[in-house]
PDB file of N, CA and C in Angstrom:
ATOM      1  N   MET A   1      72.079  56.283 -21.510  1.00  0.00           N
ATOM      2  CA  MET A   1      72.530  55.498 -22.372  1.00  0.00           C
ATOM      3  C   MET A   1      73.615  55.997 -23.710  1.00  0.00           C
ATOM      4  N   GLN A   2      74.964  54.897 -23.926  1.00  0.00           N
ATOM      5  CA  GLN A   2      75.262  55.932 -24.436  1.00  0.00           C
ATOM      6  C   GLN A   2      76.074  54.659 -25.343  1.00  0.00           C
ATOM      7  N   VAL A   3      76.608  55.145 -26.645  1.00  0.00           N
ATOM      8  CA  VAL A   3      77.202  54.385 -27.992  1.00  0.00           C
ATOM      9  C   VAL A   3      78.358  55.331 -28.128  1.00  0.00           C
ATOM     10  N   LEU A   4      79.469  54.492 -28.675  1.00  0.00           N
ATOM     11  CA  LEU A   4      80.492  55.188 -29.185  1.00  0.00           C
ATOM     12  C   LEU A   4      80.398  55.227 -30.493  1.00  0.00           C
ATOM     13  N   VAL A   5      80.692  55.824 -31.187  1.00  0.00           N
ATOM     14  CA  VAL A   5      80.646  56.302 -32.493  1.00  0.00           C
ATOM     15  C   VAL A   5      82.312  56.029 -32.774  1.00  0.00           C
ATOM     16  N   ARG A   6      82.600  55.229 -34.091  1.00  0.00           N
ATOM     17  CA  ARG A   6      83.800  54.578 -34.318  1.00  0.00           C
ATOM     18  C   ARG A   6      84.094  55.362 -35.862  1.00  0.00           C
ATOM     19  N   ASP A   7      85.221  55.904 -35.892  1.00  0.00           N
ATOM     20  CA  ASP A   7      85.702  55.385 -37.721  1.00  0.00           C
ATOM     21  C   ASP A   7      84.146  56.752 -38.183  1.00  0.00           C
ATOM     22  N   ASN A   8      84.171  57.471 -37.667  1.00  0.00           N
ATOM     23  CA  ASN A   8      82.571  58.290 -38.211  1.00  0.00           C
ATOM     24  C   ASN A   8      81.881  57.527 -38.696  1.00  0.00           C
ATOM     25  N   ASN A   9      81.752  56.491 -37.915  1.00  0.00           N
ATOM     26  CA  ASN A   9      80.662  55.581 -38.904  1.00  0.00           C
ATOM     27  C   ASN A   9      79.237  55.596 -37.703  1.00  0.00           C
ATOM     28  N   VAL A  10      78.647  56.625 -38.575  1.00  0.00           N
ATOM     29  CA  VAL A  10      77.260  57.625 -37.156  1.00  0.00           C
ATOM     30  C   VAL A  10      76.131  56.219 -37.390  1.00  0.00           C
ATOM     31  N   ASP A  11      76.121  55.291 -39.247  1.00  0.00           N
ATOM     32  CA  ASP A  11      74.364  54.729 -39.258  1.00  0.00           C
ATOM     33  C   ASP A  11      75.089  53.540 -37.854  1.00  0.00           C
ATOM     34  N   GLN A  12      76.414  52.730 -38.229  1.00  0.00           N
ATOM     35  CA  GLN A  12      76.747  51.422 -37.375  1.00  0.00           C
ATOM     36  C   GLN A  12      76.125  51.961 -35.849  1.00  0.00           C
ATOM     37  N   ALA A  13      76.499  53.309 -35.400  1.00  0.00           N
ATOM     38  CA  ALA A  13      76.318  53.507 -33.877  1.00  0.00           C
ATOM     39  C   ALA A  13      74.835  53.910 -33.384  1.00  0.00           C
ATOM     40  N   LEU A  14      73.835  53.919 -34.880  1.00  0.00           N
ATOM     41  CA  LEU A  14      72.551  54.559 -34.801  1.00  0.00           C
ATOM     42  C   LEU A  14      72.032  53.039 -34.458  1.00  0.00           C
ATOM     43  N   ARG A  15      72.706  51.944 -35.331  1.00  0.00           N
ATOM     44  CA  ARG A  15      71.932  50.838 -34.977  1.00  0.00           C
ATOM     45  C   ARG A  15      72.413  50.579 -34.032  1.00  0.00           C
ATOM     46  N   VAL A  16      73.443  50.685 -32.886  1.00  0.00           N
ATOM     47  CA  VAL A  16      73.792  49.863 -32.073  1.00  0.00           C
ATOM     48  C   VAL A  16      72.386  50.728 -30.905  1.00  0.00           C
ATOM     49  N   LEU A  17      72.346  51.672 -31.000  1.00  0.00           N
ATOM     50  CA  LEU A  17      71.237  52.753 -30.352  1.00  0.00           C
ATOM     51  C   LEU A  17      70.313  52.291 -30.611  1.00  0.00           C
ATOM     52  N   LYS A  18      69.636  51.496 -31.583  1.00  0.00           N
ATOM     53  CA  LYS A  18      68.367  51.374 -31.873  1.00  0.00           C
ATOM     54  C   LYS A  18      68.124  49.623 -30.883  1.00  0.00           C
ATOM     55  N   LYS A  19      69.587  49.099 -31.172  1.00  0.00           N
ATOM     56  CA  LYS A  19      69.114  47.608 -30.653  1.00  0.00           C
ATOM     57  C   LYS A  19      69.169  47.670 -29.243  1.00  0.00           C
ATOM     58  N   LYS A  20      69.923  48.815 -28.794  1.00  0.00           N
ATOM     59  CA  LYS A  20      69.826  48.994 -27.446  1.00  0.00           C
ATOM     60  C   LYS A  20      68.688  49.141 -26.560  1.00  0.00           C
ATOM     61  N   MET A  21      68.610  50.474 -27.328  1.00  0.00           N
ATOM     62  CA  MET A  21      66.600  50.794 -27.007  1.00  0.00           C
ATOM     63  C   MET A  21      65.690  49.951 -27.069  1.00  0.00           C
ATOM     64  N   GLN A  22      65.646  49.172 -27.572  1.00  0.00           N
ATOM     65  CA  GLN A  22      64.971  47.799 -28.298  1.00  0.00           C
ATOM     66  C   GLN A  22      64.465  46.929 -26.845  1.00  0.00           C
ATOM     67  N   ARG A  23      65.914  46.702 -26.381  1.00  0.00           N
ATOM     68  CA  ARG A  23      66.479  45.817 -25.623  1.00  0.00           C
ATOM     69  C   ARG A  23      65.721  46.409 -24.086  1.00  0.00           C
ATOM     70  N   GLU A  24      65.345  47.522 -24.082  1.00  0.00           N
ATOM     71  CA  GLU A  24      65.515  47.897 -22.784  1.00  0.00           C
ATOM     72  C   GLU A  24      63.647  48.545 -22.360  1.00  0.00           C
ATOM     73  N   GLY A  25      63.283  48.258 -23.709  1.00  0.00           N
ATOM     74  CA  GLY A  25      61.953  48.482 -23.626  1.00  0.00           C
ATOM     75  C   GLY A  25      61.671  50.155 -24.133  1.00  0.00           C
ATOM     76  N   VAL A  26      62.470  50.694 -24.770  1.00  0.00           N
ATOM     77  CA  VAL A  26      61.736  52.425 -24.154  1.00  0.00           C
ATOM     78  C   VAL A  26      60.633  52.406 -25.982  1.00  0.00           C
ATOM     79  N   PHE A  27      60.910  51.654 -26.768  1.00  0.00           N
ATOM     80  CA  PHE A  27      59.864  51.980 -27.697  1.00  0.00           C
ATOM     81  C   PHE A  27      58.604  51.629 -27.357  1.00  0.00           C
ATOM     82  N   ARG A  28      58.402  50.241 -26.336  1.00  0.00           N
ATOM     83  CA  ARG A  28      57.334  49.880 -25.714  1.00  0.00           C
ATOM     84  C   ARG A  28      56.709  50.554 -25.000  1.00  0.00           C
ATOM     85  N   GLU A  29      57.740  51.711 -24.193  1.00  0.00           N
ATOM     86  CA  GLU A  29      57.031  52.062 -23.179  1.00  0.00           C
ATOM     87  C   GLU A  29      56.571  53.078 -23.713  1.00  0.00           C
ATOM     88  N   MET A  30      57.345  53.897 -24.679  1.00  0.00           N
ATOM     89  CA  MET A  30      56.731  55.485 -25.596  1.00  0.00           C
ATOM     90  C   MET A  30      55.159  55.209 -26.215  1.00  0.00           C
ATOM     91  N   LYS A  31      55.032  53.734 -27.124  1.00  0.00           N
ATOM     92  CA  LYS A  31      53.859  53.710 -27.714  1.00  0.00           C
ATOM     93  C   LYS A  31      52.809  53.388 -26.614  1.00  0.00           C
ATOM     94  N   ALA A  32      53.416  52.844 -25.475  1.00  0.00           N
ATOM     95  CA  ALA A  32      52.216  53.302 -24.094  1.00  0.00           C
ATOM     96  C   ALA A  32      51.365  54.131 -23.991  1.00  0.00           C
ATOM     97  N   ARG A  33      52.596  55.224 -23.857  1.00  0.00           N
ATOM     98  CA  ARG A  33      52.375  56.419 -23.297  1.00  0.00           C
ATOM     99  C   ARG A  33      51.813  57.502 -24.212  1.00  0.00           C
ATOM    100  N   ARG A  34      51.262  56.895 -25.286  1.00  0.00           N
ATOM    101  CA  ARG A  34      51.064  58.092 -26.451  1.00  0.00           C
ATOM    102  C   ARG A  34      49.412  58.408 -25.946  1.00  0.00           C
ATOM    103  N   SER A  35      49.095  57.335 -24.959  1.00  0.00           N
ATOM    104  CA  SER A  35      47.607  57.840 -24.505  1.00  0.00           C
ATOM    105  C   SER A  35      47.040  57.261 -23.338  1.00  0.00           C
ATOM    106  N   TYR A  36      46.622  58.217 -22.423  1.00  0.00           N
ATOM    107  CA  TYR A  36      46.193  57.650 -21.604  1.00  0.00           C
ATOM    108  C   TYR A  36      45.793  56.182 -20.938  1.00  0.00           C
ATOM    109  N   GLU A  37      46.135  55.614 -19.996  1.00  0.00           N
ATOM    110  CA  GLU A  37      45.718  54.143 -20.164  1.00  0.00           C
ATOM    111  C   GLU A  37      44.783  53.685 -18.584  1.00  0.00           C
ATOM    112  N   LYS A  38      43.479  53.350 -18.339  1.00  0.00           N
ATOM    113  CA  LYS A  38      42.562  53.166 -17.205  1.00  0.00           C
ATOM    114  C   LYS A  38      43.399  53.049 -16.543  1.00  0.00           C
ATOM    115  N   PRO A  39      43.024  52.861 -14.736  1.00  0.00           N
ATOM    116  CA  PRO A  39      44.364  52.388 -13.812  1.00  0.00           C
ATOM    117  C   PRO A  39      43.448  50.883 -13.762  1.00  0.00           C
ATOM    118  N   SER A  40      42.105  50.504 -14.375  1.00  0.00           N
ATOM    119  CA  SER A  40      41.521  49.238 -14.837  1.00  0.00           C
ATOM    120  C   SER A  40      42.181  48.409 -15.957  1.00  0.00           C
ATOM    121  N   GLU A  41      42.198  49.146 -17.000  1.00  0.00           N
ATOM    122  CA  GLU A  41      42.936  48.771 -18.273  1.00  0.00           C
ATOM    123  C   GLU A  41      44.425  48.175 -17.990  1.00  0.00           C
ATOM    124  N   ARG A  42      45.409  49.348 -17.180  1.00  0.00           N
ATOM    125  CA  ARG A  42      46.422  48.497 -17.023  1.00  0.00           C
ATOM    126  C   ARG A  42      46.667  47.482 -16.108  1.00  0.00           C
ATOM    127  N   ARG A  43      45.743  47.383 -15.259  1.00  0.00           N
ATOM    128  CA  ARG A  43      45.627  45.901 -14.117  1.00  0.00           C
ATOM    129  C   ARG A  43      45.192  44.720 -14.645  1.00  0.00           C
ATOM    130  N   ASN A  44      43.991  45.017 -16.174  1.00  0.00           N
ATOM    131  CA  ASN A  44      44.218  43.905 -16.999  1.00  0.00           C
ATOM    132  C   ASN A  44      45.190  43.484 -17.977  1.00  0.00           C
ATOM    133  N   ARG A  45      46.196  44.342 -18.117  1.00  0.00           N
ATOM    134  CA  ARG A  45      46.970  44.129 -19.099  1.00  0.00           C
ATOM    135  C   ARG A  45      48.143  43.182 -18.717  1.00  0.00           C
ATOM    136  N   GLU A  46      48.471  44.135 -17.316  1.00  0.00           N
ATOM    137  CA  GLU A  46      49.615  43.269 -16.082  1.00  0.00           C
ATOM    138  C   GLU A  46      49.181  42.134 -15.885  1.00  0.00           C
ATOM    139  N   ALA A  47      48.305  41.790 -15.928  1.00  0.00           N
ATOM    140  CA  ALA A  47      47.270  40.446 -15.249  1.00  0.00           C
ATOM    141  C   ALA A  47      47.792  39.085 -16.515  1.00  0.00           C
ATOM    142  N   ALA A  48      47.340  40.133 -17.725  1.00  0.00           N
ATOM    143  CA  ALA A  48      47.841  38.868 -18.836  1.00  0.00           C
ATOM    144  C   ALA A  48      49.521  38.611 -19.140  1.00  0.00           C
ATOM    145  N   GLU A  49      49.664  39.968 -18.844  1.00  0.00           N
ATOM    146  CA  GLU A  49      51.136  39.746 -18.972  1.00  0.00           C
ATOM    147  C   GLU A  49      51.506  38.597 -18.361  1.00  0.00           C
ATOM    148  N   ALA A  50      51.288  38.619 -16.780  1.00  0.00           N
ATOM    149  CA  ALA A  50      51.625  37.977 -15.966  1.00  0.00           C
ATOM    150  C   ALA A  50      51.308  36.367 -16.187  1.00  0.00           C
ATOM    151  N   VAL A  51      50.172  36.304 -16.927  1.00  0.00           N
ATOM    152  CA  VAL A  51      50.080  34.557 -17.279  1.00  0.00           C
ATOM    153  C   VAL A  51      50.189  34.378 -18.344  1.00  0.00           C
ATOM    154  N   ARG A  52      50.621  35.599 -19.371  1.00  0.00           N
ATOM    155  CA  ARG A  52      51.782  34.995 -20.958  1.00  0.00           C
ATOM    156  C   ARG A  52      53.065  34.513 -20.140  1.00  0.00           C
ATOM    157  N   ARG A  53      53.930  35.293 -19.491  1.00  0.00           N
ATOM    158  CA  ARG A  53      55.283  34.519 -18.330  1.00  0.00           C
ATOM    159  C   ARG A  53      54.983  32.663 -17.941  1.00  0.00           C
ATOM    160  N   ALA A  54      54.748  33.319 -16.977  1.00  0.00           N
ATOM    161  CA  ALA A  54      53.688  32.093 -16.827  1.00  0.00           C
ATOM    162  C   ALA A  54      53.882  30.816 -17.286  1.00  0.00           C
ATOM    163  N   ARG A  55      52.882  30.845 -18.589  1.00  0.00           N
ATOM    164  CA  ARG A  55      52.426  29.773 -19.533  1.00  0.00           C
ATOM    165  C   ARG A  55      53.730  29.818 -20.083  1.00  0.00           C
ATOM    166  N   LYS A  56      54.416  30.901 -20.509  1.00  0.00           N
ATOM    167  CA  LYS A  56      56.007  30.529 -21.261  1.00  0.00           C
ATOM    168  C   LYS A  56      56.683  29.715 -20.222  1.00  0.00           C
ATOM    169  N   LEU A  57      56.886  30.334 -19.029  1.00  0.00           N
ATOM    170  CA  LEU A  57      57.978  28.810 -18.444  1.00  0.00           C
ATOM    171  C   LEU A  57      57.462  28.276 -17.986  1.00  0.00           C
ATOM    172  N   ALA A  58      55.888  27.923 -17.958  1.00  0.00           N
ATOM    173  CA  ALA A  58      56.321  26.104 -17.163  1.00  0.00           C
ATOM    174  C   ALA A  58      55.693  25.972 -18.897  1.00  0.00           C
ATOM    175  N   ARG A  59      55.896  25.943 -20.221  1.00  0.00           N
ATOM    176  CA  ARG A  59      55.955  25.049 -21.409  1.00  0.00           C
ATOM    177  C   ARG A  59      57.712  25.174 -21.157  1.00  0.00           C
ATOM    178  N   LYS A  60      58.485  26.139 -21.460  1.00  0.00           N
ATOM    179  CA  LYS A  60      59.967  25.357 -21.301  1.00  0.00           C
ATOM    180  C   LYS A  60      60.666  24.418 -20.528  1.00  0.00           C
ATOM    181  N   GLN A  61      59.719  24.917 -19.621  1.00  0.00           N
ATOM    182  CA  GLN A  61      59.829  23.577 -18.054  1.00  0.00           C
ATOM    183  C   GLN A  61      59.737  22.017 -18.504  1.00  0.00           C
ATOM    184  N   ALA A  62      58.374  21.993 -19.271  1.00  0.00           N
ATOM    185  CA  ALA A  62      57.988  20.828 -19.728  1.00  0.00           C
ATOM    186  C   ALA A  62      59.171  20.598 -20.834  1.00  0.00           C
ATOM    187  N   VAL A  63      59.258  21.237 -21.670  1.00  0.00           N
ATOM    188  CA  VAL A  63      60.295  20.548 -23.059  1.00  0.00           C
ATOM    189  C   VAL A  63      61.816  20.344 -21.951  1.00  0.00           C
ATOM    190  N   ARG A  64      62.068  20.805 -20.903  1.00  0.00           N
ATOM    191  CA  ARG A  64      63.164  20.809 -20.196  1.00  0.00           C
ATOM    192  C   ARG A  64      62.839  19.308 -20.088  1.00  0.00           C
ATOM    193  N   GLU A  65      62.025  18.463 -19.500  1.00  0.00           N
ATOM    194  CA  GLU A  65      61.991  17.832 -18.719  1.00  0.00           C
ATOM    195  C   GLU A  65      61.383  16.944 -19.383  1.00  0.00           C
ATOM    196  N   GLY A  66      60.940  16.854 -20.948  1.00  0.00           N
ATOM    197  CA  GLY A  66      60.748  15.810 -21.845  1.00  0.00           C
ATOM    198  C   GLY A  66      59.341  15.306 -21.716  1.00  0.00           C
ATOM    199  N   LEU A  67      57.892  16.200 -21.179  1.00  0.00           N
ATOM    200  CA  LEU A  67      56.891  16.403 -21.010  1.00  0.00           C
ATOM    201  C   LEU A  67      56.192  16.392 -22.643  1.00  0.00           C
ATOM    202  N   LEU A  68      56.515  17.884 -23.206  1.00  0.00           N
ATOM    203  CA  LEU A  68      56.519  18.120 -24.504  1.00  0.00           C
ATOM    204  C   LEU A  68      57.955  18.517 -25.059  1.00  0.00           C
ATOM    205  N   ALA A  69      57.532  18.039 -26.870  1.00  0.00           N
ATOM    206  CA  ALA A  69      58.502  17.768 -27.903  1.00  0.00           C
ATOM    207  C   ALA A  69      58.657  19.170 -27.964  1.00  0.00           C
ATOM    208  N   ALA A  70      60.031  19.676 -28.311  1.00  0.00           N
ATOM    209  CA  ALA A  70      60.420  20.885 -28.602  1.00  0.00           C
ATOM    210  C   ALA A  70      59.783  21.311 -29.606  1.00  0.00           C
ATOM    211  N   PRO A  71      59.748  22.650 -29.548  1.00  0.00           N
ATOM    212  CA  PRO A  71      59.229  23.245 -31.214  1.00  0.00           C
ATOM    213  C   PRO A  71      59.747  23.251 -31.742  1.00  0.00           C
ATOM    214  N   LYS A  72      59.717  22.837 -33.391  1.00  0.00           N
ATOM    215  CA  LYS A  72      60.202  22.674 -34.644  1.00  0.00           C
ATOM    216  C   LYS A  72      61.013  24.031 -35.087  1.00  0.00           C
ATOM    217  N   LYS A  73      62.422  23.866 -35.445  1.00  0.00           N
ATOM    218  CA  LYS A  73      62.890  25.028 -35.717  1.00  0.00           C
ATOM    219  C   LYS A  73      63.073  25.340 -37.158  1.00  0.00           C
ATOM    220  N   LYS A  74      62.485  27.026 -37.264  1.00  0.00           N
ATOM    221  CA  LYS A  74      62.313  27.514 -38.588  1.00  0.00           C
ATOM    222  C   LYS A  74      63.372  26.700 -39.559  1.00  0.00           C
ATOM    223  N   VAL A  75      63.171  26.357 -40.718  1.00  0.00           N
ATOM    224  CA  VAL A  75      64.441  26.575 -41.350  1.00  0.00           C
ATOM    225  C   VAL A  75      64.384  27.689 -43.100  1.00  0.00           C
ATOM    226  N   VAL A  76      65.236  28.516 -42.634  1.00  0.00           N
ATOM    227  CA  VAL A  76      65.181  29.215 -43.897  1.00  0.00           C
ATOM    228  C   VAL A  76      66.371  29.107 -44.961  1.00  0.00           C
ATOM    229  N   GLU A  77      65.772  28.639 -45.896  1.00  0.00           N
ATOM    230  CA  GLU A  77      66.339  28.551 -46.757  1.00  0.00           C
ATOM    231  C   GLU A  77      67.582  29.431 -48.070  1.00  0.00           C
ATOM    232  N   ARG A  78      68.676  29.966 -48.180  1.00  0.00           N
ATOM    233  CA  ARG A  78      69.474  30.999 -48.432  1.00  0.00           C
ATOM    234  C   ARG A  78      70.070  30.745 -49.607  1.00  0.00           C
ATOM    235  N   ARG A  79      69.440  31.372 -50.877  1.00  0.00           N
ATOM    236  CA  ARG A  79      70.336  31.156 -51.715  1.00  0.00           C
ATOM    237  C   ARG A  79      71.811  32.171 -51.883  1.00  0.00           C
ATOM    238  N   PRO A  80      73.065  31.163 -52.598  1.00  0.00           N
ATOM    239  CA  PRO A  80      74.135  31.454 -52.508  1.00  0.00           C
ATOM    240  C   PRO A  80      74.734  33.029 -52.965  1.00  0.00           C
ATOM    241  N   SER A  81      75.583  33.663 -52.257  1.00  0.00           N
ATOM    242  CA  SER A  81      75.729  34.887 -53.190  1.00  0.00           C
ATOM    243  C   SER A  81      75.965  35.313 -54.147  1.00  0.00           C
ATOM    244  N   PRO A  82      76.594  35.808 -54.952  1.00  0.00           N
ATOM    245  CA  PRO A  82      76.742  35.811 -56.626  1.00  0.00           C
ATOM    246  C   PRO A  82      78.503  35.930 -55.981  1.00  0.00           C
ATOM    247  N   MET A  83      79.080  36.359 -54.693  1.00  0.00           N
ATOM    248  CA  MET A  83      80.301  36.141 -54.330  1.00  0.00           C
ATOM    249  C   MET A  83      81.062  34.690 -54.002  1.00  0.00           C
ATOM    250  N   SER A  84      80.094  34.216 -53.645  1.00  0.00           N
ATOM    251  CA  SER A  84      80.475  32.915 -53.261  1.00  0.00           C
ATOM    252  C   SER A  84      80.622  31.854 -54.434  1.00  0.00           C
ATOM    253  N   PRO A  85      81.597  30.701 -54.107  1.00  0.00           N
ATOM    254  CA  PRO A  85      81.931  29.860 -55.358  1.00  0.00           C
ATOM    255  C   PRO A  85      81.018  29.424 -55.903  1.00  0.00           C
ATOM    256  N   ALA A  86      79.685  28.847 -55.046  1.00  0.00           N
ATOM    257  CA  ALA A  86      78.547  28.441 -55.766  1.00  0.00           C
ATOM    258  C   ALA A  86      77.220  29.239 -56.251  1.00  0.00           C
ATOM    259  N   GLY A  87      78.039  30.583 -55.686  1.00  0.00           N
ATOM    260  CA  GLY A  87      76.463  31.439 -56.800  1.00  0.00           C
ATOM    261  C   GLY A  87      77.516  31.900 -57.877  1.00  0.00           C
ATOM    262  N   ALA A  88      79.624  31.628 -57.482  1.00  0.00           N
ATOM    263  CA  ALA A  88      79.881  32.491 -59.014  1.00  0.00           C
ATOM    264  C   ALA A  88      79.687  31.666 -60.325  1.00  0.00           C
ATOM    265  N   SER A  89      78.594  30.299 -60.120  1.00  0.00           N
ATOM    266  CA  SER A  89      79.016  29.198 -61.172  1.00  0.00           C
ATOM    267  C   SER A  89      77.745  29.182 -62.325  1.00  0.00           C
ATOM    268  N   GLU A  90      76.839  29.664 -61.227  1.00  0.00           N
ATOM    269  CA  GLU A  90      75.670  29.974 -61.939  1.00  0.00           C
ATOM    270  C   GLU A  90      75.993  31.364 -62.743  1.00  0.00           C
ATOM    271  N   THR A  91      75.437  31.125 -63.858  1.00  0.00           N
ATOM    272  CA  THR A  91      75.185  31.956 -65.380  1.00  0.00           C
ATOM    273  C   THR A  91      73.655  32.491 -64.866  1.00  0.00           C
ATOM    274  N   LYS A  92      73.636  33.935 -65.224  1.00  0.00           N
ATOM    275  CA  LYS A  92      72.607  34.682 -64.505  1.00  0.00           C
ATOM    276  C   LYS A  92      71.667  35.210 -65.938  1.00  0.00           C
ATOM    277  N   PRO A  93      70.398  35.157 -65.962  1.00  0.00           N
ATOM    278  CA  PRO A  93      70.001  35.334 -67.597  1.00  0.00           C
ATOM    279  C   PRO A  93      69.843  36.588 -67.572  1.00  0.00           C
ATOM    280  N   ALA A  94      70.459  37.120 -69.410  1.00  0.00           N
ATOM    281  CA  ALA A  94      69.976  38.665 -69.688  1.00  0.00           C
ATOM    282  C   ALA A  94      69.089  38.766 -69.712  1.00  0.00           C
TER     283      ALA A  94
END
């Protein structure tokens, strides 16, 4: 895996590297390899993962076909930043 460092910005390159590693599942694999996993436990875990994937796929298919209602979007209430026009008009208590 390779990440380019631009303008000596190592922090940005490190963030990009971590994101790539997260996407590839490197952290999950490292966590799994910390201790020995018995073959029977591995089979059970893989079977459970397969069931989860199948249910997720079936749920998405049902939503697409209109059999299920689409999940509600999470609403994140954001406060205006002090630099924005909306935030600049507010006075801060001293």
